[in-house]
C-alpha cells in the first residue's frame, strides 16, 4: 500500500488522515510541518486575568467574528 502525498493534502485533509492513522509518524510530522509553515495562529503570552485579553485586539477580533482562515479550520 502506497502512502498518500502529504504535501499535496490540505491542512484539513491531513488532519483527518492523521486522526484516522494515529500510528503514522510520517503523516504526523508532515501535519506539524504544515501547521508551522502556514502559521495562522496569534501568539500571546499567558494571561494573568481575563482583562488581559483586551491587550490582544487581533485575537479578540478572531474570536468575536468566529473567523478562521478558509482551509485552516480543523
PDB file of N, CA and C in Angstrom:
ATOM      1  N   UNK A   1       0.847  -1.183   0.000  1.00  0.00           N
ATOM      2  CA  UNK A   1       0.000   0.000   0.000  1.00  0.00           C
ATOM      3  C   UNK A   1       0.886   1.238   0.000  1.00  0.00           C
ATOM      4  N   UNK A   2       0.629   2.156  -0.923  1.00  0.00           N
ATOM      5  CA  UNK A   2       1.451   3.357  -1.008  1.00  0.00           C
ATOM      6  C   UNK A   2       0.861   4.470  -0.143  1.00  0.00           C
ATOM      7  N   UNK A   3       1.745   5.312   0.332  1.00  0.00           N
ATOM      8  CA  UNK A   3       1.348   6.435   1.191  1.00  0.00           C
ATOM      9  C   UNK A   3       0.804   7.565   0.322  1.00  0.00           C
ATOM     10  N   UNK A   4      -0.147   8.320   0.845  1.00  0.00           N
ATOM     11  CA  UNK A   4      -0.627   9.493   0.115  1.00  0.00           C
ATOM     12  C   UNK A   4       0.455  10.570   0.059  1.00  0.00           C
ATOM     13  N   UNK A   5       0.289  11.504  -0.833  1.00  0.00           N
ATOM     14  CA  UNK A   5       1.207  12.635  -0.947  1.00  0.00           C
ATOM     15  C   UNK A   5       0.783  13.672   0.087  1.00  0.00           C
ATOM     16  N   UNK A   6       1.457  13.693   1.232  1.00  0.00           N
ATOM     17  CA  UNK A   6       1.073  14.579   2.321  1.00  0.00           C
ATOM     18  C   UNK A   6       1.236  16.048   1.956  1.00  0.00           C
ATOM     19  N   UNK A   7       2.229  16.364   1.131  1.00  0.00           N
ATOM     20  CA  UNK A   7       2.450  17.753   0.749  1.00  0.00           C
ATOM     21  C   UNK A   7       1.314  18.277  -0.123  1.00  0.00           C
ATOM     22  N   UNK A   8       0.660  17.410  -0.861  1.00  0.00           N
ATOM     23  CA  UNK A   8      -0.429  17.831  -1.739  1.00  0.00           C
ATOM     24  C   UNK A   8      -1.755  17.967  -0.983  1.00  0.00           C
ATOM     25  N   UNK A   9      -1.831  17.403   0.216  1.00  0.00           N
ATOM     26  CA  UNK A   9      -3.065  17.461   1.001  1.00  0.00           C
ATOM     27  C   UNK A   9      -3.227  18.831   1.651  1.00  0.00           C
ATOM     28  N   UNK A  10      -4.484  19.240   1.804  1.00  0.00           N
ATOM     29  CA  UNK A  10      -4.750  20.474   2.546  1.00  0.00           C
ATOM     30  C   UNK A  10      -4.543  20.184   4.029  1.00  0.00           C
ATOM     31  N   UNK A  11      -4.478  21.233   4.807  1.00  0.00           N
ATOM     32  CA  UNK A  11      -4.300  21.059   6.249  1.00  0.00           C
ATOM     33  C   UNK A  11      -5.470  20.255   6.828  1.00  0.00           C
ATOM     34  N   UNK A  12      -6.660  20.547   6.367  1.00  0.00           N
ATOM     35  CA  UNK A  12      -7.853  19.854   6.860  1.00  0.00           C
ATOM     36  C   UNK A  12      -7.821  18.366   6.487  1.00  0.00           C
ATOM     37  N   UNK A  13      -7.445  18.052   5.255  1.00  0.00           N
ATOM     38  CA  UNK A  13      -7.344  16.659   4.810  1.00  0.00           C
ATOM     39  C   UNK A  13      -6.268  15.912   5.603  1.00  0.00           C
ATOM     40  N   UNK A  14      -5.149  16.569   5.800  1.00  0.00           N
ATOM     41  CA  UNK A  14      -4.052  15.942   6.527  1.00  0.00           C
ATOM     42  C   UNK A  14      -4.432  15.708   7.982  1.00  0.00           C
ATOM     43  N   UNK A  15      -5.147  16.643   8.562  1.00  0.00           N
ATOM     44  CA  UNK A  15      -5.629  16.486   9.939  1.00  0.00           C
ATOM     45  C   UNK A  15      -6.520  15.247  10.041  1.00  0.00           C
ATOM     46  N   UNK A  16      -7.445  15.099   9.117  1.00  0.00           N
ATOM     47  CA  UNK A  16      -8.340  13.941   9.108  1.00  0.00           C
ATOM     48  C   UNK A  16      -7.544  12.647   8.930  1.00  0.00           C
ATOM     49  N   UNK A  17      -6.545  12.669   8.050  1.00  0.00           N
ATOM     50  CA  UNK A  17      -5.724  11.475   7.825  1.00  0.00           C
ATOM     51  C   UNK A  17      -4.969  11.087   9.100  1.00  0.00           C
ATOM     52  N   UNK A  18      -4.383  12.069   9.763  1.00  0.00           N
ATOM     53  CA  UNK A  18      -3.623  11.795  10.990  1.00  0.00           C
ATOM     54  C   UNK A  18      -4.540  11.209  12.062  1.00  0.00           C
ATOM     55  N   UNK A  19      -5.747  11.728  12.174  1.00  0.00           N
ATOM     56  CA  UNK A  19      -6.692  11.180  13.157  1.00  0.00           C
ATOM     57  C   UNK A  19      -7.083   9.746  12.820  1.00  0.00           C
ATOM     58  N   UNK A  20      -7.196   9.439  11.537  1.00  0.00           N
ATOM     59  CA  UNK A  20      -7.571   8.085  11.118  1.00  0.00           C
ATOM     60  C   UNK A  20      -6.397   7.108  11.166  1.00  0.00           C
ATOM     61  N   UNK A  21      -5.173   7.634  11.113  1.00  0.00           N
ATOM     62  CA  UNK A  21      -3.963   6.799  11.094  1.00  0.00           C
ATOM     63  C   UNK A  21      -3.003   7.293  12.178  1.00  0.00           C
ATOM     64  N   UNK A  22      -3.418   7.166  13.410  1.00  0.00           N
ATOM     65  CA  UNK A  22      -2.667   7.729  14.542  1.00  0.00           C
ATOM     66  C   UNK A  22      -1.268   7.166  14.709  1.00  0.00           C
ATOM     67  N   UNK A  23      -0.980   6.017  14.152  1.00  0.00           N
ATOM     68  CA  UNK A  23       0.354   5.427  14.297  1.00  0.00           C
ATOM     69  C   UNK A  23       1.298   5.822  13.162  1.00  0.00           C
ATOM     70  N   UNK A  24       0.836   6.624  12.227  1.00  0.00           N
ATOM     71  CA  UNK A  24       1.651   7.031  11.082  1.00  0.00           C
ATOM     72  C   UNK A  24       2.453   8.280  11.447  1.00  0.00           C
ATOM     73  N   UNK A  25       3.692   8.066  11.875  1.00  0.00           N
ATOM     74  CA  UNK A  25       4.535   9.189  12.304  1.00  0.00           C
ATOM     75  C   UNK A  25       4.891  10.120  11.156  1.00  0.00           C
ATOM     76  N   UNK A  26       5.077   9.573   9.978  1.00  0.00           N
ATOM     77  CA  UNK A  26       5.409  10.416   8.820  1.00  0.00           C
ATOM     78  C   UNK A  26       4.275  11.411   8.554  1.00  0.00           C
ATOM     79  N   UNK A  27       3.040  10.951   8.637  1.00  0.00           N
ATOM     80  CA  UNK A  27       1.887  11.830   8.428  1.00  0.00           C
ATOM     81  C   UNK A  27       1.815  12.877   9.535  1.00  0.00           C
ATOM     82  N   UNK A  28       2.072  12.460  10.763  1.00  0.00           N
ATOM     83  CA  UNK A  28       2.036  13.395  11.884  1.00  0.00           C
ATOM     84  C   UNK A  28       3.059  14.509  11.700  1.00  0.00           C
ATOM     85  N   UNK A  29       4.287  14.143  11.341  1.00  0.00           N
ATOM     86  CA  UNK A  29       5.326  15.151  11.145  1.00  0.00           C
ATOM     87  C   UNK A  29       5.006  16.061   9.959  1.00  0.00           C
ATOM     88  N   UNK A  30       4.415  15.507   8.908  1.00  0.00           N
ATOM     89  CA  UNK A  30       4.009  16.329   7.764  1.00  0.00           C
ATOM     90  C   UNK A  30       2.937  17.321   8.193  1.00  0.00           C
ATOM     91  N   UNK A  31       2.019  16.883   9.062  1.00  0.00           N
ATOM     92  CA  UNK A  31       0.959  17.766   9.563  1.00  0.00           C
ATOM     93  C   UNK A  31       1.546  18.889  10.410  1.00  0.00           C
ATOM     94  N   UNK A  32       2.454  18.551  11.315  1.00  0.00           N
ATOM     95  CA  UNK A  32       3.082  19.568  12.160  1.00  0.00           C
ATOM     96  C   UNK A  32       3.878  20.547  11.302  1.00  0.00           C
ATOM     97  N   UNK A  33       4.583  20.048  10.305  1.00  0.00           N
ATOM     98  CA  UNK A  33       5.326  20.928   9.398  1.00  0.00           C
ATOM     99  C   UNK A  33       4.386  21.877   8.663  1.00  0.00           C
ATOM    100  N   UNK A  34       3.239  21.363   8.226  1.00  0.00           N
ATOM    101  CA  UNK A  34       2.266  22.204   7.523  1.00  0.00           C
ATOM    102  C   UNK A  34       1.700  23.268   8.454  1.00  0.00           C
ATOM    103  N   UNK A  35       1.394  22.888   9.690  1.00  0.00           N
ATOM    104  CA  UNK A  35       0.905  23.861  10.665  1.00  0.00           C
ATOM    105  C   UNK A  35       1.928  24.968  10.880  1.00  0.00           C
ATOM    106  N   UNK A  36       3.175  24.568  11.018  1.00  0.00           N
ATOM    107  CA  UNK A  36       4.244  25.544  11.239  1.00  0.00           C
ATOM    108  C   UNK A  36       4.423  26.446  10.017  1.00  0.00           C
ATOM    109  N   UNK A  37       4.383  25.874   8.836  1.00  0.00           N
ATOM    110  CA  UNK A  37       4.593  26.643   7.609  1.00  0.00           C
ATOM    111  C   UNK A  37       3.466  27.644   7.376  1.00  0.00           C
ATOM    112  N   UNK A  38       2.238  27.258   7.680  1.00  0.00           N
ATOM    113  CA  UNK A  38       1.103  28.147   7.438  1.00  0.00           C
ATOM    114  C   UNK A  38       0.921  29.146   8.572  1.00  0.00           C
ATOM    115  N   UNK A  39       1.390  28.831   9.747  1.00  0.00           N
ATOM    116  CA  UNK A  39       1.439  29.720  10.911  1.00  0.00           C
ATOM    117  C   UNK A  39       0.325  30.764  10.941  1.00  0.00           C
ATOM    118  N   UNK A  40      -0.890  30.314  11.142  1.00  0.00           N
ATOM    119  CA  UNK A  40      -2.024  31.230  11.143  1.00  0.00           C
ATOM    120  C   UNK A  40      -2.538  31.527  12.550  1.00  0.00           C
ATOM    121  N   UNK A  41      -1.746  31.240  13.544  1.00  0.00           N
ATOM    122  CA  UNK A  41      -2.173  31.474  14.913  1.00  0.00           C
ATOM    123  C   UNK A  41      -1.695  32.833  15.391  1.00  0.00           C
ATOM    124  N   UNK A  42      -2.299  33.282  16.466  1.00  0.00           N
ATOM    125  CA  UNK A  42      -1.910  34.537  17.090  1.00  0.00           C
ATOM    126  C   UNK A  42      -1.150  34.187  18.357  1.00  0.00           C
ATOM    127  N   UNK A  43       0.110  34.590  18.419  1.00  0.00           N
ATOM    128  CA  UNK A  43       0.909  34.281  19.599  1.00  0.00           C
ATOM    129  C   UNK A  43       0.711  35.346  20.658  1.00  0.00           C
ATOM    130  N   UNK A  44       0.592  34.892  21.889  1.00  0.00           N
ATOM    131  CA  UNK A  44       0.459  35.820  23.007  1.00  0.00           C
ATOM    132  C   UNK A  44       0.930  35.123  24.276  1.00  0.00           C
ATOM    133  N   UNK A  45       1.440  35.882  25.223  1.00  0.00           N
ATOM    134  CA  UNK A  45       1.910  35.271  26.471  1.00  0.00           C
ATOM    135  C   UNK A  45       0.720  34.804  27.317  1.00  0.00           C
ATOM    136  N   UNK A  46       0.975  33.978  28.322  1.00  0.00           N
ATOM    137  CA  UNK A  46      -0.114  33.541  29.204  1.00  0.00           C
ATOM    138  C   UNK A  46      -0.796  34.738  29.859  1.00  0.00           C
ATOM    139  N   UNK A  47      -2.094  34.633  30.006  1.00  0.00           N
ATOM    140  CA  UNK A  47      -2.862  35.723  30.614  1.00  0.00           C
ATOM    141  C   UNK A  47      -2.824  35.639  32.132  1.00  0.00           C
ATOM    142  N   UNK A  48      -2.797  36.784  32.755  1.00  0.00           N
ATOM    143  CA  UNK A  48      -2.861  36.848  34.211  1.00  0.00           C
ATOM    144  C   UNK A  48      -4.308  36.996  34.674  1.00  0.00           C
ATOM    145  N   UNK A  49      -5.160  37.570  33.799  1.00  0.00           N
ATOM    146  CA  UNK A  49      -6.582  37.739  34.102  1.00  0.00           C
ATOM    147  C   UNK A  49      -7.344  37.852  32.786  1.00  0.00           C
ATOM    148  N   UNK A  50      -8.661  37.776  32.847  1.00  0.00           N
ATOM    149  CA  UNK A  50      -9.467  37.920  31.638  1.00  0.00           C
ATOM    150  C   UNK A  50      -9.325  39.310  31.030  1.00  0.00           C
ATOM    151  N   UNK A  51      -9.080  40.299  31.858  1.00  0.00           N
ATOM    152  CA  UNK A  51      -8.905  41.661  31.360  1.00  0.00           C
ATOM    153  C   UNK A  51      -7.673  41.775  30.454  1.00  0.00           C
ATOM    154  N   UNK A  52      -6.706  40.901  30.642  1.00  0.00           N
ATOM    155  CA  UNK A  52      -5.511  40.910  29.788  1.00  0.00           C
ATOM    156  C   UNK A  52      -5.863  40.685  28.319  1.00  0.00           C
ATOM    157  N   UNK A  53      -6.989  40.047  28.039  1.00  0.00           N
ATOM    158  CA  UNK A  53      -7.386  39.813  26.652  1.00  0.00           C
ATOM    159  C   UNK A  53      -7.533  41.120  25.873  1.00  0.00           C
ATOM    160  N   UNK A  54      -7.890  42.176  26.559  1.00  0.00           N
ATOM    161  CA  UNK A  54      -8.062  43.469  25.894  1.00  0.00           C
ATOM    162  C   UNK A  54      -6.750  43.975  25.287  1.00  0.00           C
ATOM    163  N   UNK A  55      -5.633  43.437  25.717  1.00  0.00           N
ATOM    164  CA  UNK A  55      -4.329  43.822  25.169  1.00  0.00           C
ATOM    165  C   UNK A  55      -4.030  43.122  23.843  1.00  0.00           C
ATOM    166  N   UNK A  56      -4.933  42.235  23.404  1.00  0.00           N
ATOM    167  CA  UNK A  56      -4.712  41.453  22.184  1.00  0.00           C
ATOM    168  C   UNK A  56      -5.924  41.588  21.263  1.00  0.00           C
ATOM    169  N   UNK A  57      -6.107  42.782  20.662  1.00  0.00           N
ATOM    170  CA  UNK A  57      -7.296  43.008  19.830  1.00  0.00           C
ATOM    171  C   UNK A  57      -7.388  42.081  18.621  1.00  0.00           C
ATOM    172  N   UNK A  58      -6.253  41.690  18.063  1.00  0.00           N
ATOM    173  CA  UNK A  58      -6.262  40.783  16.906  1.00  0.00           C
ATOM    174  C   UNK A  58      -6.891  39.447  17.291  1.00  0.00           C
ATOM    175  N   UNK A  59      -6.532  38.938  18.444  1.00  0.00           N
ATOM    176  CA  UNK A  59      -7.085  37.680  18.938  1.00  0.00           C
ATOM    177  C   UNK A  59      -8.579  37.826  19.209  1.00  0.00           C
ATOM    178  N   UNK A  60      -8.962  38.904  19.884  1.00  0.00           N
ATOM    179  CA  UNK A  60     -10.370  39.135  20.203  1.00  0.00           C
ATOM    180  C   UNK A  60     -11.219  39.257  18.942  1.00  0.00           C
ATOM    181  N   UNK A  61     -10.694  39.912  17.936  1.00  0.00           N
ATOM    182  CA  UNK A  61     -11.424  40.068  16.674  1.00  0.00           C
ATOM    183  C   UNK A  61     -11.720  38.709  16.055  1.00  0.00           C
ATOM    184  N   UNK A  62     -10.736  37.816  16.044  1.00  0.00           N
ATOM    185  CA  UNK A  62     -10.939  36.469  15.505  1.00  0.00           C
ATOM    186  C   UNK A  62     -11.998  35.712  16.284  1.00  0.00           C
ATOM    187  N   UNK A  63     -11.938  35.789  17.595  1.00  0.00           N
ATOM    188  CA  UNK A  63     -12.880  35.059  18.434  1.00  0.00           C
ATOM    189  C   UNK A  63     -14.292  35.611  18.256  1.00  0.00           C
ATOM    190  N   UNK A  64     -14.412  36.921  18.276  1.00  0.00           N
ATOM    191  CA  UNK A  64     -15.737  37.552  18.165  1.00  0.00           C
ATOM    192  C   UNK A  64     -16.393  37.282  16.818  1.00  0.00           C
ATOM    193  N   UNK A  65     -15.615  37.273  15.760  1.00  0.00           N
ATOM    194  CA  UNK A  65     -16.164  37.046  14.424  1.00  0.00           C
ATOM    195  C   UNK A  65     -16.276  35.568  14.084  1.00  0.00           C
ATOM    196  N   UNK A  66     -15.656  34.732  14.881  1.00  0.00           N
ATOM    197  CA  UNK A  66     -15.674  33.310  14.576  1.00  0.00           C
ATOM    198  C   UNK A  66     -14.975  33.017  13.261  1.00  0.00           C
ATOM    199  N   UNK A  67     -14.131  33.946  12.828  1.00  0.00           N
ATOM    200  CA  UNK A  67     -13.476  33.780  11.543  1.00  0.00           C
ATOM    201  C   UNK A  67     -12.160  33.045  11.707  1.00  0.00           C
ATOM    202  N   UNK A  68     -11.992  32.069  10.846  1.00  0.00           N
ATOM    203  CA  UNK A  68     -10.735  31.338  10.758  1.00  0.00           C
ATOM    204  C   UNK A  68     -10.347  31.330   9.302  1.00  0.00           C
ATOM    205  N   UNK A  69      -9.085  31.213   9.009  1.00  0.00           N
ATOM    206  CA  UNK A  69      -8.669  31.118   7.608  1.00  0.00           C
ATOM    207  C   UNK A  69      -9.400  29.973   6.918  1.00  0.00           C
ATOM    208  N   UNK A  70      -9.709  30.143   5.661  1.00  0.00           N
ATOM    209  CA  UNK A  70     -10.543  29.232   4.895  1.00  0.00           C
ATOM    210  C   UNK A  70     -10.208  27.755   5.068  1.00  0.00           C
ATOM    211  N   UNK A  71      -9.016  27.337   4.682  1.00  0.00           N
ATOM    212  CA  UNK A  71      -8.671  25.917   4.680  1.00  0.00           C
ATOM    213  C   UNK A  71      -8.087  25.462   5.997  1.00  0.00           C
ATOM    214  N   UNK A  72      -7.815  26.366   6.905  1.00  0.00           N
ATOM    215  CA  UNK A  72      -7.121  26.018   8.129  1.00  0.00           C
ATOM    216  C   UNK A  72      -8.043  25.672   9.266  1.00  0.00           C
ATOM    217  N   UNK A  73      -9.327  25.663   9.042  1.00  0.00           N
ATOM    218  CA  UNK A  73     -10.270  25.299  10.091  1.00  0.00           C
ATOM    219  C   UNK A  73     -10.241  23.787  10.257  1.00  0.00           C
ATOM    220  N   UNK A  74      -9.810  23.351  11.397  1.00  0.00           N
ATOM    221  CA  UNK A  74      -9.728  21.907  11.646  1.00  0.00           C
ATOM    222  C   UNK A  74     -10.583  21.517  12.823  1.00  0.00           C
TER     223      UNK A  74
END
